[in-house]
Amino acid sequence: MRRRRVPRSRAPRAAAEAGAHVPIRTCAGCGQRAPRAEMHRVALSEDRRSLEWRRTGGRGTYLHESADCVRRFVDAKKAIPGLRVRMERAERLRLVESGHFTV
């Protein structure tokens, strides 16, 4: 059976060279792609009315730890990628202040 070739544009260089799978996620602040281990996960709470830091299931998105990405995430007026909801700036700011980030 032939192995299916993954286009180079989709395969991260480090993963292709090491031969191991590295999960890649997109930052909700800057929009750049990076390994999941370098980011923090933001998810909707059970009631779908607030945001929280968590690793469990449910709709979630990822965010770099840099101050620039956090500021962009808080100030964004569009829907949060991956969550498919719009959250007020105050809710985003509450999330950031409750976590280990500073704006």
PDB file of N, CA and C in Angstrom:
ATOM      1  N   MET A   1       0.835  -1.171   0.000  1.00  0.00           N
ATOM      2  CA  MET A   1       0.000   0.000   0.000  1.00  0.00           C
ATOM      3  C   MET A   1       0.889   1.247   0.000  1.00  0.00           C
ATOM      4  N   ARG A   2       0.562   2.210  -0.841  1.00  0.00           N
ATOM      5  CA  ARG A   2       1.353   3.436  -0.930  1.00  0.00           C
ATOM      6  C   ARG A   2       0.975   4.410   0.167  1.00  0.00           C
ATOM      7  N   ARG A   3       1.974   5.105   0.701  1.00  0.00           N
ATOM      8  CA  ARG A   3       1.718   6.145   1.690  1.00  0.00           C
ATOM      9  C   ARG A   3       1.279   7.416   1.001  1.00  0.00           C
ATOM     10  N   ARG A   4       0.293   8.041   1.585  1.00  0.00           N
ATOM     11  CA  ARG A   4      -0.196   9.299   1.016  1.00  0.00           C
ATOM     12  C   ARG A   4       0.745  10.429   1.405  1.00  0.00           C
ATOM     13  N   ARG A   5       1.118  11.236   0.450  1.00  0.00           N
ATOM     14  CA  ARG A   5       2.061  12.330   0.679  1.00  0.00           C
ATOM     15  C   ARG A   5       1.335  13.570   1.179  1.00  0.00           C
ATOM     16  N   VAL A   6       1.828  14.167   2.270  1.00  0.00           N
ATOM     17  CA  VAL A   6       1.261  15.400   2.808  1.00  0.00           C
ATOM     18  C   VAL A   6       1.980  16.564   2.150  1.00  0.00           C
ATOM     19  N   PRO A   7       1.244  17.535   1.618  1.00  0.00           N
ATOM     20  CA  PRO A   7       1.909  18.689   1.005  1.00  0.00           C
ATOM     21  C   PRO A   7       2.828  19.388   2.001  1.00  0.00           C
ATOM     22  N   ARG A   8       3.973  19.868   1.556  1.00  0.00           N
ATOM     23  CA  ARG A   8       4.948  20.511   2.431  1.00  0.00           C
ATOM     24  C   ARG A   8       4.388  21.737   3.126  1.00  0.00           C
ATOM     25  N   SER A   9       3.475  22.440   2.491  1.00  0.00           N
ATOM     26  CA  SER A   9       2.934  23.650   3.094  1.00  0.00           C
ATOM     27  C   SER A   9       2.127  23.342   4.354  1.00  0.00           C
ATOM     28  N   ARG A  10       1.621  22.140   4.493  1.00  0.00           N
ATOM     29  CA  ARG A  10       0.821  21.768   5.655  1.00  0.00           C
ATOM     30  C   ARG A  10       1.631  21.114   6.764  1.00  0.00           C
ATOM     31  N   ALA A  11       2.739  20.503   6.440  1.00  0.00           N
ATOM     32  CA  ALA A  11       3.526  19.782   7.430  1.00  0.00           C
ATOM     33  C   ALA A  11       4.558  20.720   8.064  1.00  0.00           C
ATOM     34  N   PRO A  12       4.530  20.856   9.401  1.00  0.00           N
ATOM     35  CA  PRO A  12       5.560  21.667  10.058  1.00  0.00           C
ATOM     36  C   PRO A  12       6.926  21.033   9.841  1.00  0.00           C
ATOM     37  N   ARG A  13       7.927  21.847   9.665  1.00  0.00           N
ATOM     38  CA  ARG A  13       9.267  21.351   9.351  1.00  0.00           C
ATOM     39  C   ARG A  13       9.807  20.451  10.456  1.00  0.00           C
ATOM     40  N   ALA A  14       9.682  20.848  11.721  1.00  0.00           N
ATOM     41  CA  ALA A  14      10.230  20.049  12.820  1.00  0.00           C
ATOM     42  C   ALA A  14       9.572  18.674  12.866  1.00  0.00           C
ATOM     43  N   ALA A  15       8.282  18.627  12.670  1.00  0.00           N
ATOM     44  CA  ALA A  15       7.574  17.345  12.708  1.00  0.00           C
ATOM     45  C   ALA A  15       7.972  16.474  11.527  1.00  0.00           C
ATOM     46  N   ALA A  16       8.145  17.075  10.372  1.00  0.00           N
ATOM     47  CA  ALA A  16       8.515  16.302   9.191  1.00  0.00           C
ATOM     48  C   ALA A  16       9.909  15.706   9.361  1.00  0.00           C
ATOM     49  N   GLU A  17      10.835  16.460   9.960  1.00  0.00           N
ATOM     50  CA  GLU A  17      12.197  15.966  10.142  1.00  0.00           C
ATOM     51  C   GLU A  17      12.265  14.915  11.242  1.00  0.00           C
ATOM     52  N   ALA A  18      11.531  15.109  12.328  1.00  0.00           N
ATOM     53  CA  ALA A  18      11.589  14.173  13.453  1.00  0.00           C
ATOM     54  C   ALA A  18      10.750  12.926  13.201  1.00  0.00           C
ATOM     55  N   GLY A  19       9.772  13.034  12.334  1.00  0.00           N
ATOM     56  CA  GLY A  19       8.919  11.897  12.052  1.00  0.00           C
ATOM     57  C   GLY A  19       7.807  11.720  13.068  1.00  0.00           C
ATOM     58  N   ALA A  20       7.679  12.649  14.007  1.00  0.00           N
ATOM     59  CA  ALA A  20       6.641  12.564  15.035  1.00  0.00           C
ATOM     60  C   ALA A  20       5.552  13.585  14.737  1.00  0.00           C
ATOM     61  N   HIS A  21       4.345  13.256  15.175  1.00  0.00           N
ATOM     62  CA  HIS A  21       3.224  14.169  14.979  1.00  0.00           C
ATOM     63  C   HIS A  21       3.248  15.266  16.048  1.00  0.00           C
ATOM     64  N   VAL A  22       3.170  16.524  15.622  1.00  0.00           N
ATOM     65  CA  VAL A  22       3.116  17.653  16.544  1.00  0.00           C
ATOM     66  C   VAL A  22       1.820  18.393  16.267  1.00  0.00           C
ATOM     67  N   PRO A  23       0.888  18.440  17.236  1.00  0.00           N
ATOM     68  CA  PRO A  23      -0.369  19.158  17.013  1.00  0.00           C
ATOM     69  C   PRO A  23      -0.113  20.653  16.837  1.00  0.00           C
ATOM     70  N   ILE A  24      -0.672  21.228  15.798  1.00  0.00           N
ATOM     71  CA  ILE A  24      -0.504  22.643  15.502  1.00  0.00           C
ATOM     72  C   ILE A  24      -1.849  23.342  15.705  1.00  0.00           C
ATOM     73  N   ARG A  25      -1.823  24.498  16.374  1.00  0.00           N
ATOM     74  CA  ARG A  25      -3.029  25.276  16.620  1.00  0.00           C
ATOM     75  C   ARG A  25      -2.804  26.714  16.192  1.00  0.00           C
ATOM     76  N   THR A  26      -3.899  27.446  15.987  1.00  0.00           N
ATOM     77  CA  THR A  26      -3.840  28.848  15.579  1.00  0.00           C
ATOM     78  C   THR A  26      -4.166  29.729  16.766  1.00  0.00           C
ATOM     79  N   CYS A  27      -3.363  30.758  16.988  1.00  0.00           N
ATOM     80  CA  CYS A  27      -3.550  31.685  18.104  1.00  0.00           C
ATOM     81  C   CYS A  27      -4.747  32.588  17.836  1.00  0.00           C
ATOM     82  N   ALA A  28      -5.621  32.767  18.836  1.00  0.00           N
ATOM     83  CA  ALA A  28      -6.794  33.625  18.706  1.00  0.00           C
ATOM     84  C   ALA A  28      -6.413  35.102  18.760  1.00  0.00           C
ATOM     85  N   GLY A  29      -5.192  35.410  19.180  1.00  0.00           N
ATOM     86  CA  GLY A  29      -4.744  36.790  19.252  1.00  0.00           C
ATOM     87  C   GLY A  29      -4.080  37.252  17.968  1.00  0.00           C
ATOM     88  N   CYS A  30      -2.985  36.580  17.585  1.00  0.00           N
ATOM     89  CA  CYS A  30      -2.205  37.024  16.423  1.00  0.00           C
ATOM     90  C   CYS A  30      -2.543  36.274  15.147  1.00  0.00           C
ATOM     91  N   GLY A  31      -3.157  35.098  15.261  1.00  0.00           N
ATOM     92  CA  GLY A  31      -3.518  34.330  14.077  1.00  0.00           C
ATOM     93  C   GLY A  31      -2.406  33.453  13.536  1.00  0.00           C
ATOM     94  N   GLN A  32      -1.255  33.432  14.194  1.00  0.00           N
ATOM     95  CA  GLN A  32      -0.153  32.593  13.734  1.00  0.00           C
ATOM     96  C   GLN A  32      -0.325  31.173  14.249  1.00  0.00           C
ATOM     97  N   ARG A  33       0.260  30.229  13.516  1.00  0.00           N
ATOM     98  CA  ARG A  33       0.177  28.825  13.891  1.00  0.00           C
ATOM     99  C   ARG A  33       1.427  28.433  14.656  1.00  0.00           C
ATOM    100  N   ALA A  34       1.236  27.576  15.691  1.00  0.00           N
ATOM    101  CA  ALA A  34       2.357  27.117  16.515  1.00  0.00           C
ATOM    102  C   ALA A  34       1.986  25.785  17.147  1.00  0.00           C
ATOM    103  N   PRO A  35       2.975  25.062  17.677  1.00  0.00           N
ATOM    104  CA  PRO A  35       2.664  23.813  18.373  1.00  0.00           C
ATOM    105  C   PRO A  35       1.754  24.061  19.582  1.00  0.00           C
ATOM    106  N   ARG A  36       0.862  23.140  19.829  1.00  0.00           N
ATOM    107  CA  ARG A  36      -0.107  23.269  20.914  1.00  0.00           C
ATOM    108  C   ARG A  36       0.571  23.444  22.267  1.00  0.00           C
ATOM    109  N   ALA A  37       1.738  22.842  22.459  1.00  0.00           N
ATOM    110  CA  ALA A  37       2.447  22.923  23.735  1.00  0.00           C
ATOM    111  C   ALA A  37       2.883  24.349  24.071  1.00  0.00           C
ATOM    112  N   GLU A  38       2.998  25.219  23.092  1.00  0.00           N
ATOM    113  CA  GLU A  38       3.429  26.601  23.311  1.00  0.00           C
ATOM    114  C   GLU A  38       2.273  27.541  23.618  1.00  0.00           C
ATOM    115  N   MET A  39       1.054  27.029  23.667  1.00  0.00           N
ATOM    116  CA  MET A  39      -0.119  27.886  23.845  1.00  0.00           C
ATOM    117  C   MET A  39      -0.950  27.461  25.047  1.00  0.00           C
ATOM    118  N   HIS A  40      -1.883  28.338  25.416  1.00  0.00           N
ATOM    119  CA  HIS A  40      -2.825  28.054  26.498  1.00  0.00           C
ATOM    120  C   HIS A  40      -4.224  27.971  25.908  1.00  0.00           C
ATOM    121  N   ARG A  41      -5.039  27.073  26.452  1.00  0.00           N
ATOM    122  CA  ARG A  41      -6.373  26.845  25.907  1.00  0.00           C
ATOM    123  C   ARG A  41      -7.422  27.673  26.628  1.00  0.00           C
ATOM    124  N   VAL A  42      -8.293  28.302  25.851  1.00  0.00           N
ATOM    125  CA  VAL A  42      -9.430  29.063  26.357  1.00  0.00           C
ATOM    126  C   VAL A  42     -10.673  28.326  25.876  1.00  0.00           C
ATOM    127  N   ALA A  43     -11.623  28.074  26.792  1.00  0.00           N
ATOM    128  CA  ALA A  43     -12.832  27.341  26.416  1.00  0.00           C
ATOM    129  C   ALA A  43     -14.059  28.008  27.009  1.00  0.00           C
ATOM    130  N   LEU A  44     -15.203  27.702  26.434  1.00  0.00           N
ATOM    131  CA  LEU A  44     -16.471  28.184  26.971  1.00  0.00           C
ATOM    132  C   LEU A  44     -16.804  27.407  28.236  1.00  0.00           C
ATOM    133  N   SER A  45     -17.433  28.085  29.188  1.00  0.00           N
ATOM    134  CA  SER A  45     -17.881  27.400  30.402  1.00  0.00           C
ATOM    135  C   SER A  45     -19.079  26.519  30.054  1.00  0.00           C
ATOM    136  N   GLU A  46     -19.519  25.734  31.004  1.00  0.00           N
ATOM    137  CA  GLU A  46     -20.639  24.825  30.772  1.00  0.00           C
ATOM    138  C   GLU A  46     -21.912  25.560  30.358  1.00  0.00           C
ATOM    139  N   ASP A  47     -22.130  26.759  30.913  1.00  0.00           N
ATOM    140  CA  ASP A  47     -23.340  27.515  30.579  1.00  0.00           C
ATOM    141  C   ASP A  47     -23.206  28.315  29.278  1.00  0.00           C
ATOM    142  N   ARG A  48     -22.026  28.267  28.646  1.00  0.00           N
ATOM    143  CA  ARG A  48     -21.734  28.953  27.382  1.00  0.00           C
ATOM    144  C   ARG A  48     -21.898  30.465  27.474  1.00  0.00           C
ATOM    145  N   ARG A  49     -21.748  31.028  28.678  1.00  0.00           N
ATOM    146  CA  ARG A  49     -21.876  32.472  28.857  1.00  0.00           C
ATOM    147  C   ARG A  49     -20.572  33.136  29.250  1.00  0.00           C
ATOM    148  N   SER A  50     -19.575  32.359  29.625  1.00  0.00           N
ATOM    149  CA  SER A  50     -18.304  32.939  30.034  1.00  0.00           C
ATOM    150  C   SER A  50     -17.146  32.078  29.525  1.00  0.00           C
ATOM    151  N   LEU A  51     -15.949  32.631  29.639  1.00  0.00           N
ATOM    152  CA  LEU A  51     -14.737  31.954  29.192  1.00  0.00           C
ATOM    153  C   LEU A  51     -13.941  31.499  30.399  1.00  0.00           C
ATOM    154  N   GLU A  52     -13.185  30.426  30.233  1.00  0.00           N
ATOM    155  CA  GLU A  52     -12.323  29.955  31.309  1.00  0.00           C
ATOM    156  C   GLU A  52     -11.127  29.227  30.726  1.00  0.00           C
ATOM    157  N   TRP A  53     -10.046  29.144  31.532  1.00  0.00           N
ATOM    158  CA  TRP A  53      -8.875  28.377  31.143  1.00  0.00           C
ATOM    159  C   TRP A  53      -9.155  26.936  31.512  1.00  0.00           C
ATOM    160  N   ARG A  54      -9.105  26.045  30.564  1.00  0.00           N
ATOM    161  CA  ARG A  54      -9.294  24.636  30.904  1.00  0.00           C
ATOM    162  C   ARG A  54      -8.782  23.734  29.804  1.00  0.00           C
ATOM    163  N   ARG A  55      -8.507  22.511  30.193  1.00  0.00           N
ATOM    164  CA  ARG A  55      -7.968  21.520  29.268  1.00  0.00           C
ATOM    165  C   ARG A  55      -9.003  20.490  28.858  1.00  0.00           C
ATOM    166  N   THR A  56     -10.164  20.498  29.477  1.00  0.00           N
ATOM    167  CA  THR A  56     -11.168  19.490  29.163  1.00  0.00           C
ATOM    168  C   THR A  56     -11.858  19.795  27.847  1.00  0.00           C
ATOM    169  N   GLY A  57     -12.799  18.961  27.484  1.00  0.00           N
ATOM    170  CA  GLY A  57     -13.486  19.069  26.210  1.00  0.00           C
ATOM    171  C   GLY A  57     -14.341  20.313  26.074  1.00  0.00           C
ATOM    172  N   GLY A  58     -15.034  20.374  24.972  1.00  0.00           N
ATOM    173  CA  GLY A  58     -15.882  21.521  24.680  1.00  0.00           C
ATOM    174  C   GLY A  58     -15.231  22.448  23.675  1.00  0.00           C
ATOM    175  N   ARG A  59     -15.977  23.431  23.228  1.00  0.00           N
ATOM    176  CA  ARG A  59     -15.466  24.389  22.261  1.00  0.00           C
ATOM    177  C   ARG A  59     -14.326  25.183  22.868  1.00  0.00           C
ATOM    178  N   GLY A  60     -13.218  25.250  22.178  1.00  0.00           N
ATOM    179  CA  GLY A  60     -12.066  25.967  22.705  1.00  0.00           C
ATOM    180  C   GLY A  60     -11.212  26.572  21.620  1.00  0.00           C
ATOM    181  N   THR A  61     -10.300  27.436  22.035  1.00  0.00           N
ATOM    182  CA  THR A  61      -9.345  28.065  21.145  1.00  0.00           C
ATOM    183  C   THR A  61      -8.037  28.204  21.911  1.00  0.00           C
ATOM    184  N   TYR A  62      -6.985  28.619  21.244  1.00  0.00           N
ATOM    185  CA  TYR A  62      -5.667  28.691  21.865  1.00  0.00           C
ATOM    186  C   TYR A  62      -5.119  30.108  21.777  1.00  0.00           C
ATOM    187  N   LEU A  63      -4.205  30.412  22.721  1.00  0.00           N
ATOM    188  CA  LEU A  63      -3.663  31.763  22.830  1.00  0.00           C
ATOM    189  C   LEU A  63      -2.199  31.683  23.256  1.00  0.00           C
ATOM    190  N   HIS A  64      -1.333  32.443  22.550  1.00  0.00           N
ATOM    191  CA  HIS A  64       0.061  32.544  22.965  1.00  0.00           C
ATOM    192  C   HIS A  64       0.140  33.251  24.315  1.00  0.00           C
ATOM    193  N   GLU A  65       1.243  33.085  24.992  1.00  0.00           N
ATOM    194  CA  GLU A  65       1.429  33.701  26.299  1.00  0.00           C
ATOM    195  C   GLU A  65       1.949  35.139  26.194  1.00  0.00           C
ATOM    196  N   SER A  66       2.283  35.614  25.013  1.00  0.00           N
ATOM    197  CA  SER A  66       2.861  36.947  24.864  1.00  0.00           C
ATOM    198  C   SER A  66       1.834  38.046  25.138  1.00  0.00           C
ATOM    199  N   ALA A  67       2.317  39.165  25.645  1.00  0.00           N
ATOM    200  CA  ALA A  67       1.450  40.295  25.993  1.00  0.00           C
ATOM    201  C   ALA A  67       0.746  40.851  24.752  1.00  0.00           C
ATOM    202  N   ASP A  68       1.417  40.825  23.605  1.00  0.00           N
ATOM    203  CA  ASP A  68       0.826  41.336  22.371  1.00  0.00           C
ATOM    204  C   ASP A  68      -0.378  40.492  21.941  1.00  0.00           C
ATOM    205  N   CYS A  69      -0.249  39.180  22.007  1.00  0.00           N
ATOM    206  CA  CYS A  69      -1.360  38.300  21.630  1.00  0.00           C
ATOM    207  C   CYS A  69      -2.531  38.448  22.595  1.00  0.00           C
ATOM    208  N   VAL A  70      -2.232  38.565  23.873  1.00  0.00           N
ATOM    209  CA  VAL A  70      -3.285  38.730  24.875  1.00  0.00           C
ATOM    210  C   VAL A  70      -4.021  40.049  24.647  1.00  0.00           C
ATOM    211  N   ARG A  71      -3.280  41.118  24.365  1.00  0.00           N
ATOM    212  CA  ARG A  71      -3.900  42.431  24.111  1.00  0.00           C
ATOM    213  C   ARG A  71      -4.792  42.368  22.879  1.00  0.00           C
ATOM    214  N   ARG A  72      -4.318  41.725  21.815  1.00  0.00           N
ATOM    215  CA  ARG A  72      -5.133  41.588  20.596  1.00  0.00           C
ATOM    216  C   ARG A  72      -6.397  40.776  20.853  1.00  0.00           C
ATOM    217  N   PHE A  73      -6.273  39.720  21.667  1.00  0.00           N
ATOM    218  CA  PHE A  73      -7.416  38.883  22.013  1.00  0.00           C
ATOM    219  C   PHE A  73      -8.471  39.692  22.767  1.00  0.00           C
ATOM    220  N   VAL A  74      -8.029  40.500  23.718  1.00  0.00           N
ATOM    221  CA  VAL A  74      -8.959  41.296  24.526  1.00  0.00           C
ATOM    222  C   VAL A  74      -9.618  42.389  23.687  1.00  0.00           C
ATOM    223  N   ASP A  75      -8.856  43.043  22.823  1.00  0.00           N
ATOM    224  CA  ASP A  75      -9.370  44.181  22.056  1.00  0.00           C
ATOM    225  C   ASP A  75     -10.131  43.798  20.797  1.00  0.00           C
ATOM    226  N   ALA A  76     -10.122  42.533  20.400  1.00  0.00           N
ATOM    227  CA  ALA A  76     -10.774  42.109  19.155  1.00  0.00           C
ATOM    228  C   ALA A  76     -12.283  42.333  19.221  1.00  0.00           C
ATOM    229  N   LYS A  77     -12.847  42.776  18.103  1.00  0.00           N
ATOM    230  CA  LYS A  77     -14.287  43.019  18.036  1.00  0.00           C
ATOM    231  C   LYS A  77     -15.023  41.897  17.312  1.00  0.00           C
ATOM    232  N   LYS A  78     -14.279  41.017  16.686  1.00  0.00           N
ATOM    233  CA  LYS A  78     -14.903  39.927  15.937  1.00  0.00           C
ATOM    234  C   LYS A  78     -15.157  38.732  16.850  1.00  0.00           C
ATOM    235  N   ALA A  79     -15.827  37.733  16.335  1.00  0.00           N
ATOM    236  CA  ALA A  79     -16.082  36.502  17.091  1.00  0.00           C
ATOM    237  C   ALA A  79     -14.751  35.795  17.358  1.00  0.00           C
ATOM    238  N   ILE A  80     -14.685  35.087  18.453  1.00  0.00           N
ATOM    239  CA  ILE A  80     -13.459  34.390  18.823  1.00  0.00           C
ATOM    240  C   ILE A  80     -13.333  33.149  17.947  1.00  0.00           C
ATOM    241  N   PRO A  81     -12.214  33.018  17.204  1.00  0.00           N
ATOM    242  CA  PRO A  81     -12.053  31.848  16.348  1.00  0.00           C
ATOM    243  C   PRO A  81     -12.089  30.560  17.169  1.00  0.00           C
ATOM    244  N   GLY A  82     -12.762  29.569  16.678  1.00  0.00           N
ATOM    245  CA  GLY A  82     -12.843  28.288  17.356  1.00  0.00           C
ATOM    246  C   GLY A  82     -14.003  28.175  18.324  1.00  0.00           C
ATOM    247  N   LEU A  83     -14.432  29.285  18.902  1.00  0.00           N
ATOM    248  CA  LEU A  83     -15.536  29.254  19.855  1.00  0.00           C
ATOM    249  C   LEU A  83     -16.872  29.529  19.185  1.00  0.00           C
ATOM    250  N   ARG A  84     -16.825  30.242  18.087  1.00  0.00           N
ATOM    251  CA  ARG A  84     -18.024  30.599  17.318  1.00  0.00           C
ATOM    252  C   ARG A  84     -19.025  31.412  18.128  1.00  0.00           C
ATOM    253  N   VAL A  85     -18.517  32.248  19.024  1.00  0.00           N
ATOM    254  CA  VAL A  85     -19.368  33.144  19.799  1.00  0.00           C
ATOM    255  C   VAL A  85     -18.700  34.511  19.886  1.00  0.00           C
ATOM    256  N   ARG A  86     -19.499  35.508  20.161  1.00  0.00           N
ATOM    257  CA  ARG A  86     -18.967  36.842  20.431  1.00  0.00           C
ATOM    258  C   ARG A  86     -19.024  37.060  21.933  1.00  0.00           C
ATOM    259  N   MET A  87     -17.933  37.545  22.488  1.00  0.00           N
ATOM    260  CA  MET A  87     -17.868  37.847  23.918  1.00  0.00           C
ATOM    261  C   MET A  87     -17.529  39.322  24.070  1.00  0.00           C
ATOM    262  N   GLU A  88     -18.145  39.944  25.039  1.00  0.00           N
ATOM    263  CA  GLU A  88     -17.858  41.347  25.326  1.00  0.00           C
ATOM    264  C   GLU A  88     -16.412  41.495  25.771  1.00  0.00           C
ATOM    265  N   ARG A  89     -15.867  42.701  25.563  1.00  0.00           N
ATOM    266  CA  ARG A  89     -14.493  42.983  25.959  1.00  0.00           C
ATOM    267  C   ARG A  89     -14.308  42.745  27.459  1.00  0.00           C
ATOM    268  N   ALA A  90     -15.308  43.098  28.265  1.00  0.00           N
ATOM    269  CA  ALA A  90     -15.218  42.930  29.715  1.00  0.00           C
ATOM    270  C   ALA A  90     -15.033  41.456  30.094  1.00  0.00           C
ATOM    271  N   GLU A  91     -15.710  40.561  29.403  1.00  0.00           N
ATOM    272  CA  GLU A  91     -15.584  39.123  29.689  1.00  0.00           C
ATOM    273  C   GLU A  91     -14.195  38.627  29.307  1.00  0.00           C
ATOM    274  N   ARG A  92     -13.672  39.093  28.187  1.00  0.00           N
ATOM    275  CA  ARG A  92     -12.328  38.694  27.776  1.00  0.00           C
ATOM    276  C   ARG A  92     -11.293  39.216  28.769  1.00  0.00           C
ATOM    277  N   LEU A  93     -11.475  40.452  29.212  1.00  0.00           N
ATOM    278  CA  LEU A  93     -10.557  41.045  30.181  1.00  0.00           C
ATOM    279  C   LEU A  93     -10.628  40.302  31.516  1.00  0.00           C
ATOM    280  N   ARG A  94     -11.826  39.897  31.947  1.00  0.00           N
ATOM    281  CA  ARG A  94     -11.981  39.129  33.184  1.00  0.00           C
ATOM    282  C   ARG A  94     -11.215  37.817  33.099  1.00  0.00           C
ATOM    283  N   LEU A  95     -11.300  37.155  31.945  1.00  0.00           N
ATOM    284  CA  LEU A  95     -10.587  35.901  31.742  1.00  0.00           C
ATOM    285  C   LEU A  95      -9.087  36.101  31.868  1.00  0.00           C
ATOM    286  N   VAL A  96      -8.574  37.122  31.208  1.00  0.00           N
ATOM    287  CA  VAL A  96      -7.135  37.372  31.216  1.00  0.00           C
ATOM    288  C   VAL A  96      -6.656  37.701  32.631  1.00  0.00           C
ATOM    289  N   GLU A  97      -7.418  38.517  33.357  1.00  0.00           N
ATOM    290  CA  GLU A  97      -7.012  38.889  34.712  1.00  0.00           C
ATOM    291  C   GLU A  97      -7.117  37.730  35.683  1.00  0.00           C
ATOM    292  N   SER A  98      -8.018  36.787  35.437  1.00  0.00           N
ATOM    293  CA  SER A  98      -8.161  35.632  36.331  1.00  0.00           C
ATOM    294  C   SER A  98      -7.074  34.599  36.086  1.00  0.00           C
ATOM    295  N   GLY A  99      -6.470  34.639  34.921  1.00  0.00           N
ATOM    296  CA  GLY A  99      -5.414  33.680  34.591  1.00  0.00           C
ATOM    297  C   GLY A  99      -4.054  34.205  34.989  1.00  0.00           C
ATOM    298  N   HIS A 100      -3.032  33.756  34.300  1.00  0.00           N
ATOM    299  CA  HIS A 100      -1.663  34.132  34.619  1.00  0.00           C
ATOM    300  C   HIS A 100      -1.087  35.088  33.585  1.00  0.00           C
ATOM    301  N   PHE A 101      -1.955  35.797  32.883  1.00  0.00           N
ATOM    302  CA  PHE A 101      -1.507  36.766  31.884  1.00  0.00           C
ATOM    303  C   PHE A 101      -1.678  38.183  32.404  1.00  0.00           C
ATOM    304  N   THR A 102      -0.940  39.104  31.817  1.00  0.00           N
ATOM    305  CA  THR A 102      -1.128  40.524  32.105  1.00  0.00           C
ATOM    306  C   THR A 102      -1.273  41.251  30.782  1.00  0.00           C
ATOM    307  N   VAL A 103      -2.100  42.272  30.771  1.00  0.00           N
ATOM    308  CA  VAL A 103      -2.337  43.031  29.544  1.00  0.00           C
ATOM    309  C   VAL A 103      -1.484  44.280  29.575  1.00  0.00           C
TER     310      VAL A 103
END
